């Protein structure tokens, strides 16, 4: 995979939603994926990656999964708290994406297929994330604020 094929998201390219904690979580996720992308690029460029490099990449993937699980859990909690009518659709999308992410990570752990992983991190995930923030998260945050949620409040999980 060449640099030209890599989709890069940054905090400036993702729209802000009406709830601060969601924005902060999105920015954290983008930062984490940017670092993960750097690790993947380094791994790809090494013709014979070491066990330490493989472990470093695996550790970043686990960190990303953990962050994403907490991210989705907080959003799900917000939707429940504000009785968001499309909860099942939005939370269902979270479940689908987490399942896919876990499968990608498990496949990586089994066969260390860097091309498959790079395609997910640099292509599939950024497109999904951008679309998701621009649609489901935007609507959810707007609904929450319109129904009394303090846009500066946090939800801890």
Protein backbone atom coordinates (compact mmCIF):
# COMPACT_ATOMS: atom_id res chain seq x y z
CA UNK A 1 0.00 0.00 0.00
CA UNK A 2 1.40 3.35 -0.95
CA UNK A 3 1.04 6.62 0.89
CA UNK A 4 -1.28 7.89 -1.85
CA UNK A 5 -3.83 5.20 -0.94
CA UNK A 6 -4.00 6.18 2.71
CA UNK A 7 -6.92 8.21 3.96
CA UNK A 8 -5.89 10.52 6.74
CA UNK A 9 -8.44 12.02 9.08
CA UNK A 10 -7.64 14.76 11.51
CA UNK A 11 -9.59 16.84 13.99
CA UNK A 12 -9.97 19.56 11.38
CA UNK A 13 -11.70 17.28 8.89
CA UNK A 14 -14.32 15.88 11.24
CA UNK A 15 -17.29 18.15 11.94
CA UNK A 16 -18.05 19.10 15.50
CA UNK A 17 -21.24 17.69 16.93
CA UNK A 18 -23.33 19.44 19.58
CA UNK A 19 -21.89 17.48 22.55
CA UNK A 20 -18.36 18.19 23.78
CA UNK A 21 -17.53 14.73 25.13
CA UNK A 22 -18.39 13.21 21.76
CA UNK A 23 -16.07 15.66 19.99
CA UNK A 24 -13.28 14.94 22.45
CA UNK A 25 -13.72 11.21 21.99
CA UNK A 26 -13.70 11.56 18.21
CA UNK A 27 -10.49 13.60 18.35
CA UNK A 28 -8.88 11.02 20.65
CA UNK A 29 -9.88 8.25 18.27
CA UNK A 30 -8.46 10.08 15.27
CA UNK A 31 -5.20 10.72 17.12
CA UNK A 32 -4.97 7.06 18.11
CA UNK A 33 -5.62 5.90 14.54
CA UNK A 34 -3.01 8.34 13.21
CA UNK A 35 -0.43 6.78 15.55
CA UNK A 36 -1.62 3.30 14.60
CA UNK A 37 -1.21 4.29 10.95
CA UNK A 38 2.38 5.32 11.62
CA UNK A 39 3.07 1.95 13.26
CA UNK A 40 1.49 0.11 10.32
CA UNK A 41 3.54 2.14 7.84
CA UNK A 42 6.75 1.35 9.71
CA UNK A 43 5.78 -2.32 9.81
CA UNK A 44 5.02 -2.36 6.07
CA UNK A 45 8.37 -0.79 5.26
CA UNK A 46 10.30 -3.41 7.21
CA UNK A 47 11.03 -6.45 5.05
CA UNK A 48 11.49 -8.62 8.14
CA UNK A 49 9.51 -7.24 11.09
CA UNK A 50 10.68 -8.40 14.50
CA UNK A 51 8.52 -9.96 17.18
CA UNK A 52 8.76 -6.68 19.11
CA UNK A 53 7.42 -4.74 16.12
CA UNK A 54 4.61 -7.23 15.67
CA UNK A 55 3.76 -7.00 19.38
CA UNK A 56 3.86 -3.19 19.24
CA UNK A 57 1.33 -3.22 16.40
CA UNK A 58 -0.86 -5.75 18.22
CA UNK A 59 -0.75 -3.61 21.36
CA UNK A 60 -1.86 -0.52 19.39
CA UNK A 61 -4.75 -2.51 17.94
CA UNK A 62 -5.85 -3.61 21.42
CA UNK A 63 -5.62 -0.01 22.64
CA UNK A 64 -7.76 1.12 19.70
CA UNK A 65 -10.34 -1.59 20.35
CA UNK A 66 -10.54 -0.67 24.04
CA UNK A 67 -10.95 3.01 23.19
CA UNK A 68 -13.63 2.27 20.60
CA UNK A 69 -15.58 0.08 23.02
CA UNK A 70 -15.57 2.89 25.62
CA UNK A 71 -16.43 5.43 22.89
CA UNK A 72 -19.49 3.49 21.77
CA UNK A 73 -20.54 2.69 25.33
CA UNK A 74 -20.63 6.40 26.24
CA UNK A 75 -22.64 7.24 23.14
CA UNK A 76 -25.05 4.40 23.84
CA UNK A 77 -25.47 5.68 27.40
CA UNK A 78 -26.22 9.18 26.07
CA UNK A 79 -28.86 7.77 23.74
CA UNK A 80 -30.50 5.82 26.56
CA UNK A 81 -30.36 8.79 28.93
CA UNK A 82 -32.05 11.08 26.41
CA UNK A 83 -34.42 8.39 25.09
CA UNK A 84 -33.12 8.79 21.56
CA UNK A 85 -35.77 7.17 19.32
CA UNK A 86 -33.23 5.71 16.88
CA UNK A 87 -31.20 4.03 19.64
CA UNK A 88 -31.50 0.55 18.13
CA UNK A 89 -30.24 1.74 14.73
CA UNK A 90 -27.28 3.71 16.11
CA UNK A 91 -26.29 1.18 18.76
CA UNK A 92 -26.72 -1.58 16.19
CA UNK A 93 -24.19 0.18 13.98
CA UNK A 94 -21.82 0.32 16.94
CA UNK A 95 -22.24 -3.43 17.46
CA UNK A 96 -21.63 -4.15 13.78
CA UNK A 97 -18.48 -2.03 13.65
CA UNK A 98 -17.09 -3.50 16.88
CA UNK A 99 -17.71 -7.02 15.59
CA UNK A 100 -15.89 -6.18 12.35
CA UNK A 101 -13.01 -4.51 14.21
CA UNK A 102 -12.62 -7.56 16.46
CA UNK A 103 -12.57 -9.84 13.41
CA UNK A 104 -9.90 -7.69 11.74
CA UNK A 105 -7.77 -7.75 14.91
CA UNK A 106 -8.23 -11.51 15.36
CA UNK A 107 -7.24 -12.08 11.74
CA UNK A 108 -4.16 -9.92 12.25
CA UNK A 109 -3.25 -11.87 15.38
CA UNK A 110 -3.63 -15.16 13.49
CA UNK A 111 -1.77 -14.45 10.27
CA UNK A 112 -0.19 -10.96 10.50
CA UNK A 113 -1.67 -9.96 7.14
CA UNK A 114 -0.47 -6.35 7.03
CA UNK A 115 -2.21 -5.58 3.72
CA UNK A 116 -5.62 -6.55 5.08
CA UNK A 117 -5.00 -4.54 8.24
CA UNK A 118 -3.68 -1.53 6.34
CA UNK A 119 -6.71 -1.56 4.04
CA UNK A 120 -9.03 -1.49 7.04
CA UNK A 121 -7.15 1.24 8.94
CA UNK A 122 -6.38 3.46 5.94
CA UNK A 123 -9.47 2.94 3.81
CA UNK A 124 -12.50 1.18 5.30
CA UNK A 125 -12.42 2.65 8.79
CA UNK A 126 -11.81 6.33 7.87
CA UNK A 127 -14.67 6.27 5.37
CA UNK A 128 -17.01 4.66 7.89
CA UNK A 129 -15.93 7.01 10.70
CA UNK A 130 -16.42 10.15 8.62
CA UNK A 131 -19.84 8.98 7.43
CA UNK A 132 -20.89 7.92 10.94
CA UNK A 133 -19.92 11.22 12.59
CA UNK A 134 -21.60 13.20 9.81
CA UNK A 135 -24.85 11.28 10.14
CA UNK A 136 -25.67 9.22 13.23
CA UNK A 137 -23.47 11.09 15.72
CA UNK A 138 -24.52 14.50 14.42
CA UNK A 139 -28.21 13.63 14.77
CA UNK A 140 -27.76 11.95 18.16
CA UNK A 141 -25.89 14.92 19.64
CA UNK A 142 -28.39 17.42 18.28
CA UNK A 143 -31.30 15.38 19.66
CA UNK A 144 -29.63 15.07 23.08
CA UNK A 145 -29.08 18.84 23.41
CA UNK A 146 -32.58 19.61 22.15
CA UNK A 147 -33.91 17.30 24.88
CA UNK A 148 -32.05 18.87 27.78
CA UNK A 149 -28.60 17.23 27.78
CA UNK A 150 -25.93 19.74 28.79
CA UNK A 151 -23.56 19.90 25.79
CA UNK A 152 -20.62 20.40 28.17
CA UNK A 153 -21.46 17.45 30.43
CA UNK A 154 -19.56 14.20 30.32
CA UNK A 155 -20.61 10.59 30.53
CA UNK A 156 -18.04 8.41 32.24
CA UNK A 157 -17.70 4.74 31.50
